[in-house]
PDB file of N, CA and C in Angstrom:
ATOM      1  N   MET A   1      20.152  24.364 235.060  1.00  0.00           N
ATOM      2  CA  MET A   1      20.295  23.189 235.920  1.00  0.00           C
ATOM      3  C   MET A   1      21.748  22.715 235.893  1.00  0.00           C
ATOM      4  N   GLU A   2      22.308  22.462 237.070  1.00  0.00           N
ATOM      5  CA  GLU A   2      23.677  21.997 237.164  1.00  0.00           C
ATOM      6  C   GLU A   2      23.763  20.530 236.767  1.00  0.00           C
ATOM      7  N   SER A   3      24.868  20.189 236.086  1.00  0.00           N
ATOM      8  CA  SER A   3      25.043  18.786 235.740  1.00  0.00           C
ATOM      9  C   SER A   3      25.745  18.082 236.895  1.00  0.00           C
ATOM     10  N   SER A   4      25.445  16.809 237.051  1.00  0.00           N
ATOM     11  CA  SER A   4      26.031  16.033 238.132  1.00  0.00           C
ATOM     12  C   SER A   4      27.297  15.342 237.670  1.00  0.00           C
ATOM     13  N   VAL A   5      28.153  15.096 238.619  1.00  0.00           N
ATOM     14  CA  VAL A   5      29.414  14.401 238.404  1.00  0.00           C
ATOM     15  C   VAL A   5      29.405  13.203 239.337  1.00  0.00           C
ATOM     16  N   PHE A   6      30.085  12.135 238.949  1.00  0.00           N
ATOM     17  CA  PHE A   6      30.218  10.995 239.850  1.00  0.00           C
ATOM     18  C   PHE A   6      31.501  11.151 240.647  1.00  0.00           C
ATOM     19  N   TRP A   7      31.378  10.935 241.954  1.00  0.00           N
ATOM     20  CA  TRP A   7      32.481  11.052 242.891  1.00  0.00           C
ATOM     21  C   TRP A   7      32.692   9.697 243.562  1.00  0.00           C
ATOM     22  N   HIS A   8      33.937   9.278 243.673  1.00  0.00           N
ATOM     23  CA  HIS A   8      34.232   8.058 244.416  1.00  0.00           C
ATOM     24  C   HIS A   8      34.445   8.448 245.872  1.00  0.00           C
ATOM     25  N   VAL A   9      33.686   7.815 246.758  1.00  0.00           N
ATOM     26  CA  VAL A   9      33.721   8.148 248.182  1.00  0.00           C
ATOM     27  C   VAL A   9      34.290   6.971 248.968  1.00  0.00           C
ATOM     28  N   THR A  10      35.213   7.272 249.868  1.00  0.00           N
ATOM     29  CA  THR A  10      35.675   6.321 250.868  1.00  0.00           C
ATOM     30  C   THR A  10      35.323   6.917 252.215  1.00  0.00           C
ATOM     31  N   LEU A  11      34.395   6.282 252.898  1.00  0.00           N
ATOM     32  CA  LEU A  11      33.909   6.739 254.201  1.00  0.00           C
ATOM     33  C   LEU A  11      34.421   5.769 255.267  1.00  0.00           C
ATOM     34  N   THR A  12      35.105   6.302 256.268  1.00  0.00           N
ATOM     35  CA  THR A  12      35.621   5.477 257.354  1.00  0.00           C
ATOM     36  C   THR A  12      34.899   5.863 258.641  1.00  0.00           C
ATOM     37  N   VAL A  13      34.397   4.854 259.331  1.00  0.00           N
ATOM     38  CA  VAL A  13      33.679   5.064 260.590  1.00  0.00           C
ATOM     39  C   VAL A  13      34.323   4.200 261.667  1.00  0.00           C
ATOM     40  N   ALA A  14      34.160   4.624 262.931  1.00  0.00           N
ATOM     41  CA  ALA A  14      34.734   3.858 264.045  1.00  0.00           C
ATOM     42  C   ALA A  14      33.934   4.125 265.307  1.00  0.00           C
ATOM     43  N   GLY A  15      34.087   3.206 266.258  1.00  0.00           N
ATOM     44  CA  GLY A  15      33.392   3.359 267.526  1.00  0.00           C
ATOM     45  C   GLY A  15      33.599   2.153 268.410  1.00  0.00           C
ATOM     46  N   PRO A  16      32.764   2.033 269.432  1.00  0.00           N
ATOM     47  CA  PRO A  16      32.882   0.903 270.363  1.00  0.00           C
ATOM     48  C   PRO A  16      32.740  -0.434 269.626  1.00  0.00           C
ATOM     49  N   PRO A  17      33.455  -1.447 270.073  1.00  0.00           N
ATOM     50  CA  PRO A  17      33.409  -2.749 269.402  1.00  0.00           C
ATOM     51  C   PRO A  17      32.007  -3.365 269.361  1.00  0.00           C
ATOM     52  N   VAL A  18      31.732  -4.030 268.239  1.00  0.00           N
ATOM     53  CA  VAL A  18      30.524  -4.827 268.052  1.00  0.00           C
ATOM     54  C   VAL A  18      30.975  -6.183 267.526  1.00  0.00           C
ATOM     55  N   THR A  19      30.058  -7.099 267.368  1.00  0.00           N
ATOM     56  CA  THR A  19      30.447  -8.399 266.813  1.00  0.00           C
ATOM     57  C   THR A  19      30.705  -8.266 265.315  1.00  0.00           C
ATOM     58  N   LEU A  20      31.557  -9.135 264.798  1.00  0.00           N
ATOM     59  CA  LEU A  20      31.807  -9.138 263.350  1.00  0.00           C
ATOM     60  C   LEU A  20      30.522  -9.411 262.583  1.00  0.00           C
ATOM     61  N   ALA A  21      29.679 -10.272 263.136  1.00  0.00           N
ATOM     62  CA  ALA A  21      28.408 -10.582 262.468  1.00  0.00           C
ATOM     63  C   ALA A  21      27.530  -9.340 262.369  1.00  0.00           C
ATOM     64  N   GLN A  22      27.487  -8.529 263.429  1.00  0.00           N
ATOM     65  CA  GLN A  22      26.650  -7.330 263.403  1.00  0.00           C
ATOM     66  C   GLN A  22      27.111  -6.347 262.338  1.00  0.00           C
ATOM     67  N   ILE A  23      28.407  -6.085 262.262  1.00  0.00           N
ATOM     68  CA  ILE A  23      28.874  -5.113 261.269  1.00  0.00           C
ATOM     69  C   ILE A  23      28.769  -5.686 259.861  1.00  0.00           C
ATOM     70  N   HIS A  24      29.027  -6.965 259.703  1.00  0.00           N
ATOM     71  CA  HIS A  24      28.868  -7.598 258.384  1.00  0.00           C
ATOM     72  C   HIS A  24      27.426  -7.477 257.905  1.00  0.00           C
ATOM     73  N   ASP A  25      26.492  -7.851 258.759  1.00  0.00           N
ATOM     74  CA  ASP A  25      25.075  -7.798 258.381  1.00  0.00           C
ATOM     75  C   ASP A  25      24.631  -6.367 258.098  1.00  0.00           C
ATOM     76  N   GLY A  26      25.099  -5.416 258.896  1.00  0.00           N
ATOM     77  CA  GLY A  26      24.752  -4.016 258.670  1.00  0.00           C
ATOM     78  C   GLY A  26      25.264  -3.504 257.337  1.00  0.00           C
ATOM     79  N   LEU A  27      26.500  -3.855 256.994  1.00  0.00           N
ATOM     80  CA  LEU A  27      27.064  -3.415 255.709  1.00  0.00           C
ATOM     81  C   LEU A  27      26.363  -4.088 254.535  1.00  0.00           C
ATOM     82  N   GLU A  28      26.013  -5.356 254.693  1.00  0.00           N
ATOM     83  CA  GLU A  28      25.255  -6.045 253.636  1.00  0.00           C
ATOM     84  C   GLU A  28      23.926  -5.341 253.404  1.00  0.00           C
ATOM     85  N   CYS A  29      23.242  -4.998 254.484  1.00  0.00           N
ATOM     86  CA  CYS A  29      21.959  -4.300 254.376  1.00  0.00           C
ATOM     87  C   CYS A  29      22.157  -2.919 253.739  1.00  0.00           C
ATOM     88  N   LEU A  30      23.214  -2.220 254.148  1.00  0.00           N
ATOM     89  CA  LEU A  30      23.512  -0.910 253.562  1.00  0.00           C
ATOM     90  C   LEU A  30      23.729  -1.018 252.058  1.00  0.00           C
ATOM     91  N   SER A  31      24.353  -2.103 251.622  1.00  0.00           N
ATOM     92  CA  SER A  31      24.620  -2.263 250.186  1.00  0.00           C
ATOM     93  C   SER A  31      23.322  -2.405 249.383  1.00  0.00           C
ATOM     94  N   TYR A  32      22.265  -2.916 250.013  1.00  0.00           N
ATOM     95  CA  TYR A  32      20.965  -2.989 249.340  1.00  0.00           C
ATOM     96  C   TYR A  32      20.251  -1.644 249.377  1.00  0.00           C
ATOM     97  N   GLU A  33      20.405  -0.931 250.487  1.00  0.00           N
ATOM     98  CA  GLU A  33      19.745   0.364 250.628  1.00  0.00           C
ATOM     99  C   GLU A  33      20.419   1.462 249.811  1.00  0.00           C
ATOM    100  N   HIS A  34      21.718   1.349 249.620  1.00  0.00           N
ATOM    101  CA  HIS A  34      22.483   2.356 248.870  1.00  0.00           C
ATOM    102  C   HIS A  34      23.086   1.657 247.644  1.00  0.00           C
ATOM    103  N   PRO A  35      22.369   1.638 246.534  1.00  0.00           N
ATOM    104  CA  PRO A  35      22.743   0.790 245.395  1.00  0.00           C
ATOM    105  C   PRO A  35      24.086   1.089 244.735  1.00  0.00           C
ATOM    106  N   PHE A  36      24.689   2.246 244.981  1.00  0.00           N
ATOM    107  CA  PHE A  36      25.974   2.545 244.349  1.00  0.00           C
ATOM    108  C   PHE A  36      27.158   2.112 245.208  1.00  0.00           C
ATOM    109  N   MET A  37      26.893   1.363 246.291  1.00  0.00           N
ATOM    110  CA  MET A  37      27.971   0.896 247.155  1.00  0.00           C
ATOM    111  C   MET A  37      28.788  -0.152 246.423  1.00  0.00           C
ATOM    112  N   LEU A  38      30.112   0.032 246.428  1.00  0.00           N
ATOM    113  CA  LEU A  38      31.011  -0.906 245.768  1.00  0.00           C
ATOM    114  C   LEU A  38      31.517  -1.975 246.720  1.00  0.00           C
ATOM    115  N   SER A  39      31.908  -1.538 247.922  1.00  0.00           N
ATOM    116  CA  SER A  39      32.453  -2.509 248.863  1.00  0.00           C
ATOM    117  C   SER A  39      32.432  -1.957 250.278  1.00  0.00           C
ATOM    118  N   GLY A  40      32.574  -2.869 251.208  1.00  0.00           N
ATOM    119  CA  GLY A  40      32.694  -2.513 252.607  1.00  0.00           C
ATOM    120  C   GLY A  40      33.690  -3.434 253.263  1.00  0.00           C
ATOM    121  N   ARG A  41      34.613  -2.863 254.007  1.00  0.00           N
ATOM    122  CA  ARG A  41      35.575  -3.642 254.776  1.00  0.00           C
ATOM    123  C   ARG A  41      35.338  -3.301 256.238  1.00  0.00           C
ATOM    124  N   TYR A  42      35.591  -4.250 257.120  1.00  0.00           N
ATOM    125  CA  TYR A  42      35.216  -4.012 258.508  1.00  0.00           C
ATOM    126  C   TYR A  42      36.074  -4.792 259.489  1.00  0.00           C
ATOM    127  N   ALA A  43      36.064  -4.309 260.707  1.00  0.00           N
ATOM    128  CA  ALA A  43      36.622  -4.977 261.884  1.00  0.00           C
ATOM    129  C   ALA A  43      35.626  -4.719 263.006  1.00  0.00           C
ATOM    130  N   VAL A  44      35.917  -5.187 264.200  1.00  0.00           N
ATOM    131  CA  VAL A  44      34.948  -5.046 265.280  1.00  0.00           C
ATOM    132  C   VAL A  44      34.746  -3.599 265.722  1.00  0.00           C
ATOM    133  N   ASP A  45      35.715  -2.713 265.421  1.00  0.00           N
ATOM    134  CA  ASP A  45      35.615  -1.336 265.905  1.00  0.00           C
ATOM    135  C   ASP A  45      35.719  -0.265 264.816  1.00  0.00           C
ATOM    136  N   HIS A  46      35.762  -0.664 263.545  1.00  0.00           N
ATOM    137  CA  HIS A  46      35.793   0.311 262.464  1.00  0.00           C
ATOM    138  C   HIS A  46      35.397  -0.345 261.138  1.00  0.00           C
ATOM    139  N   ALA A  47      35.003   0.504 260.203  1.00  0.00           N
ATOM    140  CA  ALA A  47      34.623   0.011 258.880  1.00  0.00           C
ATOM    141  C   ALA A  47      34.958   1.080 257.845  1.00  0.00           C
ATOM    142  N   GLU A  48      35.081   0.618 256.613  1.00  0.00           N
ATOM    143  CA  GLU A  48      35.370   1.501 255.489  1.00  0.00           C
ATOM    144  C   GLU A  48      34.413   1.126 254.362  1.00  0.00           C
ATOM    145  N   VAL A  49      33.741   2.117 253.822  1.00  0.00           N
ATOM    146  CA  VAL A  49      32.762   1.895 252.771  1.00  0.00           C
ATOM    147  C   VAL A  49      33.211   2.665 251.533  1.00  0.00           C
ATOM    148  N   HIS A  50      33.183   1.998 250.387  1.00  0.00           N
ATOM    149  CA  HIS A  50      33.529   2.622 249.116  1.00  0.00           C
ATOM    150  C   HIS A  50      32.274   2.639 248.249  1.00  0.00           C
ATOM    151  N   TYR A  51      31.969   3.799 247.687  1.00  0.00           N
ATOM    152  CA  TYR A  51      30.791   3.874 246.831  1.00  0.00           C
ATOM    153  C   TYR A  51      30.871   5.089 245.909  1.00  0.00           C
ATOM    154  N   TRP A  52      29.980   5.128 244.936  1.00  0.00           N
ATOM    155  CA  TRP A  52      29.858   6.260 244.019  1.00  0.00           C
ATOM    156  C   TRP A  52      28.725   7.152 244.480  1.00  0.00           C
ATOM    157  N   GLU A  53      28.970   8.439 244.422  1.00  0.00           N
ATOM    158  CA  GLU A  53      27.948   9.439 244.745  1.00  0.00           C
ATOM    159  C   GLU A  53      27.790  10.351 243.538  1.00  0.00           C
ATOM    160  N   GLU A  54      26.559  10.674 243.212  1.00  0.00           N
ATOM    161  CA  GLU A  54      26.291  11.608 242.124  1.00  0.00           C
ATOM    162  C   GLU A  54      25.916  12.950 242.736  1.00  0.00           C
ATOM    163  N   ALA A  55      26.688  13.978 242.382  1.00  0.00           N
ATOM    164  CA  ALA A  55      26.460  15.310 242.941  1.00  0.00           C
ATOM    165  C   ALA A  55      27.071  16.354 242.007  1.00  0.00           C
ATOM    166  N   PRO A  56      26.565  17.576 242.051  1.00  0.00           N
ATOM    167  CA  PRO A  56      27.079  18.620 241.159  1.00  0.00           C
ATOM    168  C   PRO A  56      28.478  19.110 241.530  1.00  0.00           C
ATOM    169  N   ASP A  57      28.863  18.966 242.810  1.00  0.00           N
ATOM    170  CA  ASP A  57      30.177  19.457 243.234  1.00  0.00           C
ATOM    171  C   ASP A  57      30.643  18.673 244.462  1.00  0.00           C
ATOM    172  N   VAL A  58      31.903  18.865 244.810  1.00  0.00           N
ATOM    173  CA  VAL A  58      32.481  18.114 245.924  1.00  0.00           C
ATOM    174  C   VAL A  58      31.847  18.496 247.261  1.00  0.00           C
ATOM    175  N   ALA A  59      31.409  19.731 247.417  1.00  0.00           N
ATOM    176  CA  ALA A  59      30.758  20.140 248.671  1.00  0.00           C
ATOM    177  C   ALA A  59      29.473  19.355 248.893  1.00  0.00           C
ATOM    178  N   THR A  60      28.682  19.213 247.849  1.00  0.00           N
ATOM    179  CA  THR A  60      27.438  18.439 247.961  1.00  0.00           C
ATOM    180  C   THR A  60      27.745  16.966 248.204  1.00  0.00           C
ATOM    181  N   ALA A  61      28.745  16.436 247.496  1.00  0.00           N
ATOM    182  CA  ALA A  61      29.132  15.032 247.704  1.00  0.00           C
ATOM    183  C   ALA A  61      29.592  14.809 249.139  1.00  0.00           C
ATOM    184  N   THR A  62      30.291  15.774 249.707  1.00  0.00           N
ATOM    185  CA  THR A  62      30.753  15.676 251.090  1.00  0.00           C
ATOM    186  C   THR A  62      29.574  15.654 252.060  1.00  0.00           C
ATOM    187  N   ASP A  63      28.627  16.555 251.863  1.00  0.00           N
ATOM    188  CA  ASP A  63      27.437  16.579 252.729  1.00  0.00           C
ATOM    189  C   ASP A  63      26.691  15.252 252.678  1.00  0.00           C
ATOM    190  N   LEU A  64      26.528  14.711 251.468  1.00  0.00           N
ATOM    191  CA  LEU A  64      25.829  13.441 251.317  1.00  0.00           C
ATOM    192  C   LEU A  64      26.601  12.307 251.982  1.00  0.00           C
ATOM    193  N   ALA A  65      27.919  12.309 251.827  1.00  0.00           N
ATOM    194  CA  ALA A  65      28.750  11.256 252.422  1.00  0.00           C
ATOM    195  C   ALA A  65      28.687  11.289 253.940  1.00  0.00           C
ATOM    196  N   LEU A  66      28.745  12.479 254.509  1.00  0.00           N
ATOM    197  CA  LEU A  66      28.718  12.597 255.967  1.00  0.00           C
ATOM    198  C   LEU A  66      27.374  12.190 256.565  1.00  0.00           C
ATOM    199  N   SER A  67      26.338  12.225 255.763  1.00  0.00           N
ATOM    200  CA  SER A  67      25.013  11.842 256.271  1.00  0.00           C
ATOM    201  C   SER A  67      24.676  10.371 256.004  1.00  0.00           C
ATOM    202  N   LEU A  68      25.462   9.687 255.197  1.00  0.00           N
ATOM    203  CA  LEU A  68      25.140   8.301 254.822  1.00  0.00           C
ATOM    204  C   LEU A  68      24.992   7.381 256.033  1.00  0.00           C
ATOM    205  N   TRP A  69      25.990   7.328 256.898  1.00  0.00           N
ATOM    206  CA  TRP A  69      25.968   6.398 258.030  1.00  0.00           C
ATOM    207  C   TRP A  69      24.822   6.704 258.990  1.00  0.00           C
ATOM    208  N   PRO A  70      24.674   7.968 259.438  1.00  0.00           N
ATOM    209  CA  PRO A  70      23.570   8.243 260.367  1.00  0.00           C
ATOM    210  C   PRO A  70      22.186   8.012 259.756  1.00  0.00           C
ATOM    211  N   GLU A  71      22.024   8.310 258.475  1.00  0.00           N
ATOM    212  CA  GLU A  71      20.708   8.127 257.834  1.00  0.00           C
ATOM    213  C   GLU A  71      20.326   6.670 257.701  1.00  0.00           C
ATOM    214  N   HIS A  72      21.294   5.777 257.587  1.00  0.00           N
ATOM    215  CA  HIS A  72      21.007   4.350 257.412  1.00  0.00           C
ATOM    216  C   HIS A  72      21.235   3.547 258.688  1.00  0.00           C
ATOM    217  N   ARG A  73      21.615   4.217 259.761  1.00  0.00           N
ATOM    218  CA  ARG A  73      21.950   3.513 261.007  1.00  0.00           C
ATOM    219  C   ARG A  73      20.821   2.596 261.463  1.00  0.00           C
ATOM    220  N   ALA A  74      19.628   3.124 261.602  1.00  0.00           N
ATOM    221  CA  ALA A  74      18.508   2.310 262.116  1.00  0.00           C
ATOM    222  C   ALA A  74      18.037   1.290 261.089  1.00  0.00           C
ATOM    223  N   SER A  75      17.834   1.724 259.863  1.00  0.00           N
ATOM    224  CA  SER A  75      17.254   0.829 258.852  1.00  0.00           C
ATOM    225  C   SER A  75      18.187  -0.316 258.463  1.00  0.00           C
ATOM    226  N   ALA A  76      19.504  -0.080 258.488  1.00  0.00           N
ATOM    227  CA  ALA A  76      20.461  -1.125 258.111  1.00  0.00           C
ATOM    228  C   ALA A  76      21.049  -1.840 259.327  1.00  0.00           C
ATOM    229  N   GLY A  77      20.710  -1.382 260.529  1.00  0.00           N
ATOM    230  CA  GLY A  77      21.255  -2.010 261.727  1.00  0.00           C
ATOM    231  C   GLY A  77      22.737  -1.731 261.914  1.00  0.00           C
ATOM    232  N   LEU A  78      23.173  -0.528 261.546  1.00  0.00           N
ATOM    233  CA  LEU A  78      24.581  -0.169 261.668  1.00  0.00           C
ATOM    234  C   LEU A  78      24.906   0.245 263.104  1.00  0.00           C
ATOM    235  N   PRO A  79      26.149   0.001 263.531  1.00  0.00           N
ATOM    236  CA  PRO A  79      26.547   0.432 264.876  1.00  0.00           C
ATOM    237  C   PRO A  79      26.501   1.958 265.015  1.00  0.00           C
ATOM    238  N   ARG A  80      26.451   2.427 266.232  1.00  0.00           N
ATOM    239  CA  ARG A  80      26.425   3.870 266.519  1.00  0.00           C
ATOM    240  C   ARG A  80      27.851   4.416 266.467  1.00  0.00           C
ATOM    241  N   TRP A  81      28.474   4.264 265.314  1.00  0.00           N
ATOM    242  CA  TRP A  81      29.827   4.752 265.107  1.00  0.00           C
ATOM    243  C   TRP A  81      29.781   6.131 264.469  1.00  0.00           C
ATOM    244  N   HIS A  82      30.939   6.789 264.478  1.00  0.00           N
ATOM    245  CA  HIS A  82      31.044   8.136 263.926  1.00  0.00           C
ATOM    246  C   HIS A  82      32.045   8.158 262.779  1.00  0.00           C
ATOM    247  N   VAL A  83      31.880   9.092 261.884  1.00  0.00           N
ATOM    248  CA  VAL A  83      32.800   9.265 260.760  1.00  0.00           C
ATOM    249  C   VAL A  83      34.143   9.738 261.299  1.00  0.00           C
ATOM    250  N   VAL A  84      35.207   9.023 260.933  1.00  0.00           N
ATOM    251  CA  VAL A  84      36.560   9.394 261.345  1.00  0.00           C
ATOM    252  C   VAL A  84      37.458   9.671 260.144  1.00  0.00           C
ATOM    253  N   GLY A  85      36.937   9.439 258.945  1.00  0.00           N
ATOM    254  CA  GLY A  85      37.717   9.710 257.743  1.00  0.00           C
ATOM    255  C   GLY A  85      36.830   9.780 256.523  1.00  0.00           C
ATOM    256  N   LEU A  86      37.250  10.607 255.577  1.00  0.00           N
ATOM    257  CA  LEU A  86      36.469  10.778 254.356  1.00  0.00           C
ATOM    258  C   LEU A  86      37.399  11.183 253.226  1.00  0.00           C
ATOM    259  N   GLU A  87      37.306  10.468 252.119  1.00  0.00           N
ATOM    260  CA  GLU A  87      38.034  10.844 250.910  1.00  0.00           C
ATOM    261  C   GLU A  87      37.036  10.858 249.765  1.00  0.00           C
ATOM    262  N   ILE A  88      37.040  11.932 249.003  1.00  0.00           N
ATOM    263  CA  ILE A  88      36.148  12.064 247.847  1.00  0.00           C
ATOM    264  C   ILE A  88      36.992  12.455 246.653  1.00  0.00           C
ATOM    265  N   LEU A  89      36.889  11.641 245.599  1.00  0.00           N
ATOM    266  CA  LEU A  89      37.664  11.876 244.389  1.00  0.00           C
ATOM    267  C   LEU A  89      36.755  11.957 243.179  1.00  0.00           C
ATOM    268  N   GLU A  90      37.036  12.911 242.305  1.00  0.00           N
ATOM    269  CA  GLU A  90      36.338  12.964 241.031  1.00  0.00           C
ATOM    270  C   GLU A  90      36.654  11.675 240.260  1.00  0.00           C
ATOM    271  N   ARG A  91      35.705  11.247 239.461  1.00  0.00           N
ATOM    272  CA  ARG A  91      35.802   9.974 238.744  1.00  0.00           C
ATOM    273  C   ARG A  91      37.122   9.819 237.985  1.00  0.00           C
ATOM    274  N   ALA A  92      37.541  10.837 237.247  1.00  0.00           N
ATOM    275  CA  ALA A  92      38.771  10.745 236.450  1.00  0.00           C
ATOM    276  C   ALA A  92      40.002  10.542 237.335  1.00  0.00           C
ATOM    277  N   ILE A  93      40.053  11.206 238.464  1.00  0.00           N
ATOM    278  CA  ILE A  93      41.179  11.054 239.388  1.00  0.00           C
ATOM    279  C   ILE A  93      41.195   9.648 239.976  1.00  0.00           C
ATOM    280  N   TYR A  94      40.022   9.159 240.370  1.00  0.00           N
ATOM    281  CA  TYR A  94      39.937   7.804 240.909  1.00  0.00           C
ATOM    282  C   TYR A  94      40.411   6.785 239.875  1.00  0.00           C
ATOM    283  N   ARG A  95      39.952   6.930 238.652  1.00  0.00           N
ATOM    284  CA  ARG A  95      40.344   5.972 237.606  1.00  0.00           C
ATOM    285  C   ARG A  95      41.835   6.048 237.309  1.00  0.00           C
ATOM    286  N   SER A  96      42.410   7.235 237.356  1.00  0.00           N
ATOM    287  CA  SER A  96      43.851   7.337 237.112  1.00  0.00           C
ATOM    288  C   SER A  96      44.627   6.653 238.230  1.00  0.00           C
ATOM    289  N   ARG A  97      44.138   6.751 239.458  1.00  0.00           N
ATOM    290  CA  ARG A  97      44.779   6.040 240.573  1.00  0.00           C
ATOM    291  C   ARG A  97      44.710   4.532 240.369  1.00  0.00           C
ATOM    292  N   CYS A  98      43.572   4.050 239.934  1.00  0.00           N
ATOM    293  CA  CYS A  98      43.387   2.610 239.742  1.00  0.00           C
ATOM    294  C   CYS A  98      44.239   2.073 238.606  1.00  0.00           C
ATOM    295  N   ALA A  99      44.643   2.943 237.693  1.00  0.00           N
ATOM    296  CA  ALA A  99      45.473   2.520 236.570  1.00  0.00           C
ATOM    297  C   ALA A  99      46.923   2.320 236.992  1.00  0.00           C
ATOM    298  N   GLU A 100      47.304   2.870 238.143  1.00  0.00           N
ATOM    299  CA  GLU A 100      48.666   2.709 238.630  1.00  0.00           C
ATOM    300  C   GLU A 100      48.862   1.263 239.085  1.00  0.00           C
ATOM    301  N   PRO A 101      49.972   0.629 238.702  1.00  0.00           N
ATOM    302  CA  PRO A 101      50.166  -0.796 238.999  1.00  0.00           C
ATOM    303  C   PRO A 101      50.184  -1.138 240.488  1.00  0.00           C
ATOM    304  N   HIS A 102      50.632  -0.241 241.344  1.00  0.00           N
ATOM    305  CA  HIS A 102      50.725  -0.541 242.777  1.00  0.00           C
ATOM    306  C   HIS A 102      49.443  -0.210 243.540  1.00  0.00           C
ATOM    307  N   ARG A 103      48.392   0.253 242.850  1.00  0.00           N
ATOM    308  CA  ARG A 103      47.128   0.630 243.510  1.00  0.00           C
ATOM    309  C   ARG A 103      45.998  -0.224 242.954  1.00  0.00           C
ATOM    310  N   PRO A 104      45.679  -1.333 243.609  1.00  0.00           N
ATOM    311  CA  PRO A 104      44.606  -2.190 243.078  1.00  0.00           C
ATOM    312  C   PRO A 104      43.233  -1.539 243.211  1.00  0.00           C
ATOM    313  N   LEU A 105      42.306  -1.973 242.370  1.00  0.00           N
ATOM    314  CA  LEU A 105      40.921  -1.531 242.472  1.00  0.00           C
ATOM    315  C   LEU A 105      40.311  -2.032 243.781  1.00  0.00           C
ATOM    316  N   VAL A 106      39.269  -1.385 244.204  1.00  0.00           N
ATOM    317  CA  VAL A 106      38.553  -1.805 245.410  1.00  0.00           C
ATOM    318  C   VAL A 106      37.913  -3.165 245.143  1.00  0.00           C
ATOM    319  N   ILE A 107      38.006  -4.045 246.113  1.00  0.00           N
ATOM    320  CA  ILE A 107      37.377  -5.364 245.992  1.00  0.00           C
ATOM    321  C   ILE A 107      35.878  -5.213 246.198  1.00  0.00           C
ATOM    322  N   ASP A 108      35.103  -5.858 245.327  1.00  0.00           N
ATOM    323  CA  ASP A 108      33.648  -5.805 245.451  1.00  0.00           C
ATOM    324  C   ASP A 108      33.181  -6.606 246.650  1.00  0.00           C
ATOM    325  N   GLY A 109      32.051  -6.181 247.206  1.00  0.00           N
ATOM    326  CA  GLY A 109      31.410  -6.924 248.284  1.00  0.00           C
ATOM    327  C   GLY A 109      31.788  -6.412 249.657  1.00  0.00           C
ATOM    328  N   VAL A 110      31.412  -7.189 250.652  1.00  0.00           N
ATOM    329  CA  VAL A 110      31.649  -6.859 252.050  1.00  0.00           C
ATOM    330  C   VAL A 110      32.572  -7.927 252.631  1.00  0.00           C
ATOM    331  N   ALA A 111      33.687  -7.491 253.214  1.00  0.00           N
ATOM    332  CA  ALA A 111      34.659  -8.461 253.738  1.00  0.00           C
ATOM    333  C   ALA A 111      35.410  -7.850 254.922  1.00  0.00           C
ATOM    334  N   PRO A 112      35.901  -8.706 255.824  1.00  0.00           N
ATOM    335  CA  PRO A 112      36.701  -8.177 256.933  1.00  0.00           C
ATOM    336  C   PRO A 112      38.052  -7.680 256.421  1.00  0.00           C
ATOM    337  N   PHE A 113      38.677  -6.776 257.194  1.00  0.00           N
ATOM    338  CA  PHE A 113      40.042  -6.354 256.879  1.00  0.00           C
ATOM    339  C   PHE A 113      40.939  -7.576 257.007  1.00  0.00           C
ATOM    340  N   ALA A 114      41.866  -7.706 256.095  1.00  0.00           N
ATOM    341  CA  ALA A 114      42.772  -8.860 256.129  1.00  0.00           C
ATOM    342  C   ALA A 114      43.893  -8.647 257.109  1.00  0.00           C
TER     343      ALA A 114
END
């Protein structure tokens, strides 16, 4: 049996504009449906979700990440947006980045882009 590794995922989606309330509510719902979600940032036409994924390798983590938005679209009330960006980092690499003084940790929760 393969052992699993934790991967830090940043998933970026974009599409036609929706209301800020709609994307906020959808991301809040997604955070309940996907318990390893760390944060979500959003605007009317794009969003970025940060979360941990457990998978044996980066290929599996990528497949899971690419399916997250479409699988939760109806149940979480997410807009019909498409994935436009994806970054997946092994846990140790992510933590080393966060240790750098000019790279702050991801802010918890769901908030609009500043």
